[in-house]
Amino acid sequence: MKVEYFSAECKICQRTYNIIQHHFPELDIEKHNAADCIDGKCCELAEQYNVRAVPSLVVDGNVIQIGMPSDSDIERIAKILN
């Protein structure tokens, strides 16, 4: 399973990332920060995955969460990851 996180590195993006890490500490998350997208590769990935907003959590090429997750979102994400 490949888990990727797209971030603008704002406070909401960082808080969302922390929430995901807190609930799923075992996940190996590849983080794509907007500021690090110098060569355009993460922008190409975002387009390929149809990422239209950040923060976005992508699992195996599918966007499963956009924005800060609620408690019910965490439950839904847990089902997807299991």
PDB file of N, CA and C in Angstrom:
ATOM      1  N   MET A   1       0.851  -1.165   0.000  1.00  0.00           N
ATOM      2  CA  MET A   1       0.000   0.000   0.000  1.00  0.00           C
ATOM      3  C   MET A   1       0.904   1.237   0.000  1.00  0.00           C
ATOM      4  N   LYS A   2       0.630   2.152  -0.923  1.00  0.00           N
ATOM      5  CA  LYS A   2       1.391   3.397  -0.999  1.00  0.00           C
ATOM      6  C   LYS A   2       0.512   4.533  -0.474  1.00  0.00           C
ATOM      7  N   VAL A   3       1.024   5.238   0.548  1.00  0.00           N
ATOM      8  CA  VAL A   3       0.291   6.333   1.167  1.00  0.00           C
ATOM      9  C   VAL A   3       1.074   7.621   0.928  1.00  0.00           C
ATOM     10  N   GLU A   4       0.382   8.623   0.367  1.00  0.00           N
ATOM     11  CA  GLU A   4       1.023   9.897   0.066  1.00  0.00           C
ATOM     12  C   GLU A   4       0.175  11.037   0.626  1.00  0.00           C
ATOM     13  N   TYR A   5       0.865  12.103   0.984  1.00  0.00           N
ATOM     14  CA  TYR A   5       0.201  13.254   1.571  1.00  0.00           C
ATOM     15  C   TYR A   5       0.666  14.504   0.832  1.00  0.00           C
ATOM     16  N   PHE A   6      -0.279  15.282   0.337  1.00  0.00           N
ATOM     17  CA  PHE A   6       0.016  16.520  -0.379  1.00  0.00           C
ATOM     18  C   PHE A   6      -0.288  17.691   0.538  1.00  0.00           C
ATOM     19  N   SER A   7       0.700  18.579   0.676  1.00  0.00           N
ATOM     20  CA  SER A   7       0.618  19.650   1.658  1.00  0.00           C
ATOM     21  C   SER A   7       1.114  20.971   1.094  1.00  0.00           C
ATOM     22  N   ALA A   8       0.482  22.059   1.554  1.00  0.00           N
ATOM     23  CA  ALA A   8       0.966  23.409   1.245  1.00  0.00           C
ATOM     24  C   ALA A   8       1.841  23.926   2.382  1.00  0.00           C
ATOM     25  N   GLU A   9       2.019  23.090   3.396  1.00  0.00           N
ATOM     26  CA  GLU A   9       2.834  23.407   4.569  1.00  0.00           C
ATOM     27  C   GLU A   9       2.259  24.542   5.419  1.00  0.00           C
ATOM     28  N   CYS A  10       0.983  24.763   5.312  1.00  0.00           N
ATOM     29  CA  CYS A  10       0.325  25.753   6.161  1.00  0.00           C
ATOM     30  C   CYS A  10      -0.018  25.098   7.503  1.00  0.00           C
ATOM     31  N   LYS A  11      -0.561  25.878   8.425  1.00  0.00           N
ATOM     32  CA  LYS A  11      -0.901  25.345   9.745  1.00  0.00           C
ATOM     33  C   LYS A  11      -1.958  24.248   9.662  1.00  0.00           C
ATOM     34  N   ILE A  12      -2.928  24.418   8.786  1.00  0.00           N
ATOM     35  CA  ILE A  12      -3.977  23.399   8.648  1.00  0.00           C
ATOM     36  C   ILE A  12      -3.392  22.117   8.080  1.00  0.00           C
ATOM     37  N   CYS A  13      -2.524  22.240   7.072  1.00  0.00           N
ATOM     38  CA  CYS A  13      -1.884  21.057   6.489  1.00  0.00           C
ATOM     39  C   CYS A  13      -1.043  20.327   7.532  1.00  0.00           C
ATOM     40  N   GLN A  14      -0.283  21.065   8.314  1.00  0.00           N
ATOM     41  CA  GLN A  14       0.569  20.442   9.326  1.00  0.00           C
ATOM     42  C   GLN A  14      -0.268  19.802  10.427  1.00  0.00           C
ATOM     43  N   ARG A  15      -1.324  20.488  10.847  1.00  0.00           N
ATOM     44  CA  ARG A  15      -2.195  19.916  11.885  1.00  0.00           C
ATOM     45  C   ARG A  15      -2.866  18.633  11.379  1.00  0.00           C
ATOM     46  N   THR A  16      -3.310  18.651  10.134  1.00  0.00           N
ATOM     47  CA  THR A  16      -3.934  17.472   9.540  1.00  0.00           C
ATOM     48  C   THR A  16      -2.949  16.309   9.481  1.00  0.00           C
ATOM     49  N   TYR A  17      -1.724  16.597   9.052  1.00  0.00           N
ATOM     50  CA  TYR A  17      -0.685  15.562   9.002  1.00  0.00           C
ATOM     51  C   TYR A  17      -0.444  14.980  10.391  1.00  0.00           C
ATOM     52  N   ASN A  18      -0.392  15.831  11.401  1.00  0.00           N
ATOM     53  CA  ASN A  18      -0.191  15.368  12.780  1.00  0.00           C
ATOM     54  C   ASN A  18      -1.345  14.485  13.250  1.00  0.00           C
ATOM     55  N   ILE A  19      -2.563  14.844  12.878  1.00  0.00           N
ATOM     56  CA  ILE A  19      -3.739  14.033  13.242  1.00  0.00           C
ATOM     57  C   ILE A  19      -3.634  12.654  12.607  1.00  0.00           C
ATOM     58  N   ILE A  20      -3.280  12.608  11.348  1.00  0.00           N
ATOM     59  CA  ILE A  20      -3.156  11.328  10.645  1.00  0.00           C
ATOM     60  C   ILE A  20      -2.045  10.486  11.268  1.00  0.00           C
ATOM     61  N   GLN A  21      -0.907  11.097  11.550  1.00  0.00           N
ATOM     62  CA  GLN A  21       0.188  10.365  12.193  1.00  0.00           C
ATOM     63  C   GLN A  21      -0.199   9.859  13.579  1.00  0.00           C
ATOM     64  N   HIS A  22      -0.957  10.668  14.309  1.00  0.00           N
ATOM     65  CA  HIS A  22      -1.393  10.273  15.653  1.00  0.00           C
ATOM     66  C   HIS A  22      -2.287   9.030  15.587  1.00  0.00           C
ATOM     67  N   HIS A  23      -3.227   9.019  14.658  1.00  0.00           N
ATOM     68  CA  HIS A  23      -4.178   7.910  14.567  1.00  0.00           C
ATOM     69  C   HIS A  23      -3.601   6.688  13.856  1.00  0.00           C
ATOM     70  N   PHE A  24      -2.611   6.903  12.999  1.00  0.00           N
ATOM     71  CA  PHE A  24      -2.039   5.813  12.211  1.00  0.00           C
ATOM     72  C   PHE A  24      -0.505   5.871  12.264  1.00  0.00           C
ATOM     73  N   PRO A  25       0.076   5.681  13.462  1.00  0.00           N
ATOM     74  CA  PRO A  25       1.524   5.843  13.617  1.00  0.00           C
ATOM     75  C   PRO A  25       2.350   4.847  12.815  1.00  0.00           C
ATOM     76  N   GLU A  26       1.763   3.737  12.428  1.00  0.00           N
ATOM     77  CA  GLU A  26       2.494   2.708  11.690  1.00  0.00           C
ATOM     78  C   GLU A  26       2.612   3.014  10.199  1.00  0.00           C
ATOM     79  N   LEU A  27       1.867   3.996   9.728  1.00  0.00           N
ATOM     80  CA  LEU A  27       1.871   4.325   8.302  1.00  0.00           C
ATOM     81  C   LEU A  27       3.193   4.937   7.861  1.00  0.00           C
ATOM     82  N   ASP A  28       3.657   4.474   6.736  1.00  0.00           N
ATOM     83  CA  ASP A  28       4.811   5.086   6.087  1.00  0.00           C
ATOM     84  C   ASP A  28       4.231   6.039   5.042  1.00  0.00           C
ATOM     85  N   ILE A  29       4.261   7.331   5.350  1.00  0.00           N
ATOM     86  CA  ILE A  29       3.623   8.342   4.507  1.00  0.00           C
ATOM     87  C   ILE A  29       4.682   9.105   3.724  1.00  0.00           C
ATOM     88  N   GLU A  30       4.528   9.102   2.414  1.00  0.00           N
ATOM     89  CA  GLU A  30       5.394   9.915   1.567  1.00  0.00           C
ATOM     90  C   GLU A  30       4.755  11.299   1.469  1.00  0.00           C
ATOM     91  N   LYS A  31       5.453  12.294   1.960  1.00  0.00           N
ATOM     92  CA  LYS A  31       4.897  13.644   2.031  1.00  0.00           C
ATOM     93  C   LYS A  31       5.389  14.484   0.857  1.00  0.00           C
ATOM     94  N   HIS A  32       4.452  15.135   0.175  1.00  0.00           N
ATOM     95  CA  HIS A  32       4.766  16.018  -0.934  1.00  0.00           C
ATOM     96  C   HIS A  32       4.425  17.446  -0.515  1.00  0.00           C
ATOM     97  N   ASN A  33       5.457  18.237  -0.243  1.00  0.00           N
ATOM     98  CA  ASN A  33       5.271  19.627   0.154  1.00  0.00           C
ATOM     99  C   ASN A  33       5.349  20.533  -1.070  1.00  0.00           C
ATOM    100  N   ALA A  34       4.436  21.460  -1.167  1.00  0.00           N
ATOM    101  CA  ALA A  34       4.390  22.370  -2.319  1.00  0.00           C
ATOM    102  C   ALA A  34       5.709  23.091  -2.524  1.00  0.00           C
ATOM    103  N   ALA A  35       6.348  23.512  -1.462  1.00  0.00           N
ATOM    104  CA  ALA A  35       7.606  24.258  -1.568  1.00  0.00           C
ATOM    105  C   ALA A  35       8.746  23.406  -2.109  1.00  0.00           C
ATOM    106  N   ASP A  36       8.626  22.094  -1.968  1.00  0.00           N
ATOM    107  CA  ASP A  36       9.669  21.187  -2.447  1.00  0.00           C
ATOM    108  C   ASP A  36       9.474  20.781  -3.902  1.00  0.00           C
ATOM    109  N   CYS A  37       8.409  21.224  -4.505  1.00  0.00           N
ATOM    110  CA  CYS A  37       8.056  20.825  -5.870  1.00  0.00           C
ATOM    111  C   CYS A  37       8.776  21.730  -6.882  1.00  0.00           C
ATOM    112  N   ILE A  38      10.078  21.620  -6.913  1.00  0.00           N
ATOM    113  CA  ILE A  38      10.882  22.464  -7.787  1.00  0.00           C
ATOM    114  C   ILE A  38      10.901  21.931  -9.218  1.00  0.00           C
ATOM    115  N   ASP A  39      11.002  20.613  -9.348  1.00  0.00           N
ATOM    116  CA  ASP A  39      11.100  20.020 -10.680  1.00  0.00           C
ATOM    117  C   ASP A  39       9.742  19.673 -11.293  1.00  0.00           C
ATOM    118  N   GLY A  40       8.672  19.890 -10.557  1.00  0.00           N
ATOM    119  CA  GLY A  40       7.329  19.657 -11.071  1.00  0.00           C
ATOM    120  C   GLY A  40       6.816  18.238 -10.925  1.00  0.00           C
ATOM    121  N   LYS A  41       7.618  17.327 -10.385  1.00  0.00           N
ATOM    122  CA  LYS A  41       7.192  15.927 -10.284  1.00  0.00           C
ATOM    123  C   LYS A  41       5.997  15.742  -9.358  1.00  0.00           C
ATOM    124  N   CYS A  42       5.991  16.445  -8.210  1.00  0.00           N
ATOM    125  CA  CYS A  42       4.847  16.264  -7.308  1.00  0.00           C
ATOM    126  C   CYS A  42       3.593  16.914  -7.898  1.00  0.00           C
ATOM    127  N   CYS A  43       3.772  17.964  -8.693  1.00  0.00           N
ATOM    128  CA  CYS A  43       2.624  18.568  -9.374  1.00  0.00           C
ATOM    129  C   CYS A  43       2.045  17.597 -10.407  1.00  0.00           C
ATOM    130  N   GLU A  44       2.917  16.881 -11.097  1.00  0.00           N
ATOM    131  CA  GLU A  44       2.467  15.862 -12.046  1.00  0.00           C
ATOM    132  C   GLU A  44       1.719  14.746 -11.324  1.00  0.00           C
ATOM    133  N   LEU A  45       2.251  14.332 -10.157  1.00  0.00           N
ATOM    134  CA  LEU A  45       1.573  13.312  -9.360  1.00  0.00           C
ATOM    135  C   LEU A  45       0.205  13.797  -8.905  1.00  0.00           C
ATOM    136  N   ALA A  46       0.143  15.026  -8.422  1.00  0.00           N
ATOM    137  CA  ALA A  46      -1.130  15.590  -7.971  1.00  0.00           C
ATOM    138  C   ALA A  46      -2.141  15.585  -9.107  1.00  0.00           C
ATOM    139  N   GLU A  47      -1.703  15.951 -10.287  1.00  0.00           N
ATOM    140  CA  GLU A  47      -2.602  15.941 -11.448  1.00  0.00           C
ATOM    141  C   GLU A  47      -3.029  14.521 -11.791  1.00  0.00           C
ATOM    142  N   GLN A  48      -2.091  13.591 -11.747  1.00  0.00           N
ATOM    143  CA  GLN A  48      -2.392  12.185 -12.036  1.00  0.00           C
ATOM    144  C   GLN A  48      -3.430  11.630 -11.065  1.00  0.00           C
ATOM    145  N   TYR A  49      -3.320  12.000  -9.778  1.00  0.00           N
ATOM    146  CA  TYR A  49      -4.240  11.513  -8.753  1.00  0.00           C
ATOM    147  C   TYR A  49      -5.511  12.342  -8.655  1.00  0.00           C
ATOM    148  N   ASN A  50      -5.585  13.419  -9.417  1.00  0.00           N
ATOM    149  CA  ASN A  50      -6.729  14.322  -9.390  1.00  0.00           C
ATOM    150  C   ASN A  50      -6.843  15.072  -8.055  1.00  0.00           C
ATOM    151  N   VAL A  51      -5.687  15.400  -7.460  1.00  0.00           N
ATOM    152  CA  VAL A  51      -5.654  16.211  -6.245  1.00  0.00           C
ATOM    153  C   VAL A  51      -6.002  17.633  -6.655  1.00  0.00           C
ATOM    154  N   ARG A  52      -7.048  18.185  -6.053  1.00  0.00           N
ATOM    155  CA  ARG A  52      -7.495  19.533  -6.402  1.00  0.00           C
ATOM    156  C   ARG A  52      -7.409  20.506  -5.244  1.00  0.00           C
ATOM    157  N   ALA A  53      -7.082  19.989  -4.056  1.00  0.00           N
ATOM    158  CA  ALA A  53      -6.967  20.840  -2.864  1.00  0.00           C
ATOM    159  C   ALA A  53      -6.005  20.171  -1.898  1.00  0.00           C
ATOM    160  N   VAL A  54      -5.452  20.965  -1.031  1.00  0.00           N
ATOM    161  CA  VAL A  54      -4.584  20.436   0.016  1.00  0.00           C
ATOM    162  C   VAL A  54      -5.117  20.887   1.372  1.00  0.00           C
ATOM    163  N   PRO A  55      -4.904  20.093   2.376  1.00  0.00           N
ATOM    164  CA  PRO A  55      -4.186  18.833   2.382  1.00  0.00           C
ATOM    165  C   PRO A  55      -5.016  17.698   1.781  1.00  0.00           C
ATOM    166  N   SER A  56      -4.320  16.756   1.165  1.00  0.00           N
ATOM    167  CA  SER A  56      -4.964  15.569   0.593  1.00  0.00           C
ATOM    168  C   SER A  56      -4.179  14.332   0.961  1.00  0.00           C
ATOM    169  N   LEU A  57      -4.895  13.298   1.332  1.00  0.00           N
ATOM    170  CA  LEU A  57      -4.311  11.996   1.629  1.00  0.00           C
ATOM    171  C   LEU A  57      -4.668  11.059   0.481  1.00  0.00           C
ATOM    172  N   VAL A  58      -3.652  10.422  -0.086  1.00  0.00           N
ATOM    173  CA  VAL A  58      -3.825   9.546  -1.245  1.00  0.00           C
ATOM    174  C   VAL A  58      -3.328   8.155  -0.880  1.00  0.00           C
ATOM    175  N   VAL A  59      -4.145   7.149  -1.170  1.00  0.00           N
ATOM    176  CA  VAL A  59      -3.757   5.758  -0.930  1.00  0.00           C
ATOM    177  C   VAL A  59      -3.857   5.014  -2.247  1.00  0.00           C
ATOM    178  N   ASP A  60      -2.739   4.436  -2.651  1.00  0.00           N
ATOM    179  CA  ASP A  60      -2.667   3.679  -3.905  1.00  0.00           C
ATOM    180  C   ASP A  60      -3.243   4.458  -5.086  1.00  0.00           C
ATOM    181  N   GLY A  61      -2.930   5.748  -5.131  1.00  0.00           N
ATOM    182  CA  GLY A  61      -3.341   6.581  -6.252  1.00  0.00           C
ATOM    183  C   GLY A  61      -4.740   7.144  -6.173  1.00  0.00           C
ATOM    184  N   ASN A  62      -5.443   6.879  -5.078  1.00  0.00           N
ATOM    185  CA  ASN A  62      -6.812   7.374  -4.907  1.00  0.00           C
ATOM    186  C   ASN A  62      -6.881   8.366  -3.751  1.00  0.00           C
ATOM    187  N   VAL A  63      -7.450   9.538  -4.001  1.00  0.00           N
ATOM    188  CA  VAL A  63      -7.631  10.526  -2.944  1.00  0.00           C
ATOM    189  C   VAL A  63      -8.699   9.999  -1.996  1.00  0.00           C
ATOM    190  N   ILE A  64      -8.312   9.819  -0.718  1.00  0.00           N
ATOM    191  CA  ILE A  64      -9.281   9.307   0.255  1.00  0.00           C
ATOM    192  C   ILE A  64      -9.690  10.350   1.287  1.00  0.00           C
ATOM    193  N   GLN A  65      -8.929  11.448   1.354  1.00  0.00           N
ATOM    194  CA  GLN A  65      -9.288  12.500   2.301  1.00  0.00           C
ATOM    195  C   GLN A  65      -8.773  13.837   1.797  1.00  0.00           C
ATOM    196  N   ILE A  66      -9.636  14.819   1.833  1.00  0.00           N
ATOM    197  CA  ILE A  66      -9.259  16.196   1.522  1.00  0.00           C
ATOM    198  C   ILE A  66      -9.615  17.026   2.743  1.00  0.00           C
ATOM    199  N   GLY A  67      -8.657  17.784   3.233  1.00  0.00           N
ATOM    200  CA  GLY A  67      -8.902  18.623   4.396  1.00  0.00           C
ATOM    201  C   GLY A  67      -8.704  17.876   5.695  1.00  0.00           C
ATOM    202  N   MET A  68      -8.949  18.598   6.777  1.00  0.00           N
ATOM    203  CA  MET A  68      -8.764  18.035   8.110  1.00  0.00           C
ATOM    204  C   MET A  68      -9.844  16.986   8.389  1.00  0.00           C
ATOM    205  N   PRO A  69      -9.440  15.789   8.816  1.00  0.00           N
ATOM    206  CA  PRO A  69     -10.424  14.724   9.028  1.00  0.00           C
ATOM    207  C   PRO A  69     -11.209  14.879  10.326  1.00  0.00           C
ATOM    208  N   SER A  70     -12.493  14.592  10.248  1.00  0.00           N
ATOM    209  CA  SER A  70     -13.347  14.529  11.435  1.00  0.00           C
ATOM    210  C   SER A  70     -13.186  13.140  12.051  1.00  0.00           C
ATOM    211  N   ASP A  71     -13.836  12.907  13.170  1.00  0.00           N
ATOM    212  CA  ASP A  71     -13.784  11.592  13.799  1.00  0.00           C
ATOM    213  C   ASP A  71     -14.347  10.521  12.872  1.00  0.00           C
ATOM    214  N   SER A  72     -15.430  10.836  12.173  1.00  0.00           N
ATOM    215  CA  SER A  72     -16.001   9.850  11.248  1.00  0.00           C
ATOM    216  C   SER A  72     -15.078   9.623  10.051  1.00  0.00           C
ATOM    217  N   ASP A  73     -14.354  10.664   9.635  1.00  0.00           N
ATOM    218  CA  ASP A  73     -13.370  10.495   8.561  1.00  0.00           C
ATOM    219  C   ASP A  73     -12.258   9.550   9.006  1.00  0.00           C
ATOM    220  N   ILE A  74     -11.803   9.685  10.249  1.00  0.00           N
ATOM    221  CA  ILE A  74     -10.758   8.810  10.779  1.00  0.00           C
ATOM    222  C   ILE A  74     -11.234   7.360  10.753  1.00  0.00           C
ATOM    223  N   GLU A  75     -12.476   7.125  11.129  1.00  0.00           N
ATOM    224  CA  GLU A  75     -13.038   5.764  11.101  1.00  0.00           C
ATOM    225  C   GLU A  75     -13.069   5.235   9.667  1.00  0.00           C
ATOM    226  N   ARG A  76     -13.467   6.069   8.732  1.00  0.00           N
ATOM    227  CA  ARG A  76     -13.531   5.685   7.310  1.00  0.00           C
ATOM    228  C   ARG A  76     -12.132   5.383   6.783  1.00  0.00           C
ATOM    229  N   ILE A  77     -11.165   6.225   7.129  1.00  0.00           N
ATOM    230  CA  ILE A  77      -9.782   6.028   6.689  1.00  0.00           C
ATOM    231  C   ILE A  77      -9.250   4.719   7.275  1.00  0.00           C
ATOM    232  N   ALA A  78      -9.542   4.434   8.531  1.00  0.00           N
ATOM    233  CA  ALA A  78      -9.096   3.200   9.173  1.00  0.00           C
ATOM    234  C   ALA A  78      -9.614   1.984   8.411  1.00  0.00           C
ATOM    235  N   LYS A  79     -10.851   2.021   7.964  1.00  0.00           N
ATOM    236  CA  LYS A  79     -11.416   0.901   7.191  1.00  0.00           C
ATOM    237  C   LYS A  79     -10.687   0.736   5.862  1.00  0.00           C
ATOM    238  N   ILE A  80     -10.340   1.840   5.238  1.00  0.00           N
ATOM    239  CA  ILE A  80      -9.622   1.783   3.957  1.00  0.00           C
ATOM    240  C   ILE A  80      -8.221   1.203   4.163  1.00  0.00           C
ATOM    241  N   LEU A  81      -7.571   1.588   5.245  1.00  0.00           N
ATOM    242  CA  LEU A  81      -6.195   1.154   5.488  1.00  0.00           C
ATOM    243  C   LEU A  81      -6.083  -0.285   5.991  1.00  0.00           C
ATOM    244  N   ASN A  82      -7.171  -0.837   6.470  1.00  0.00           N
ATOM    245  CA  ASN A  82      -7.138  -2.221   6.977  1.00  0.00           C
ATOM    246  C   ASN A  82      -7.533  -3.227   5.956  1.00  0.00           C
TER     247      ASN A  82
END
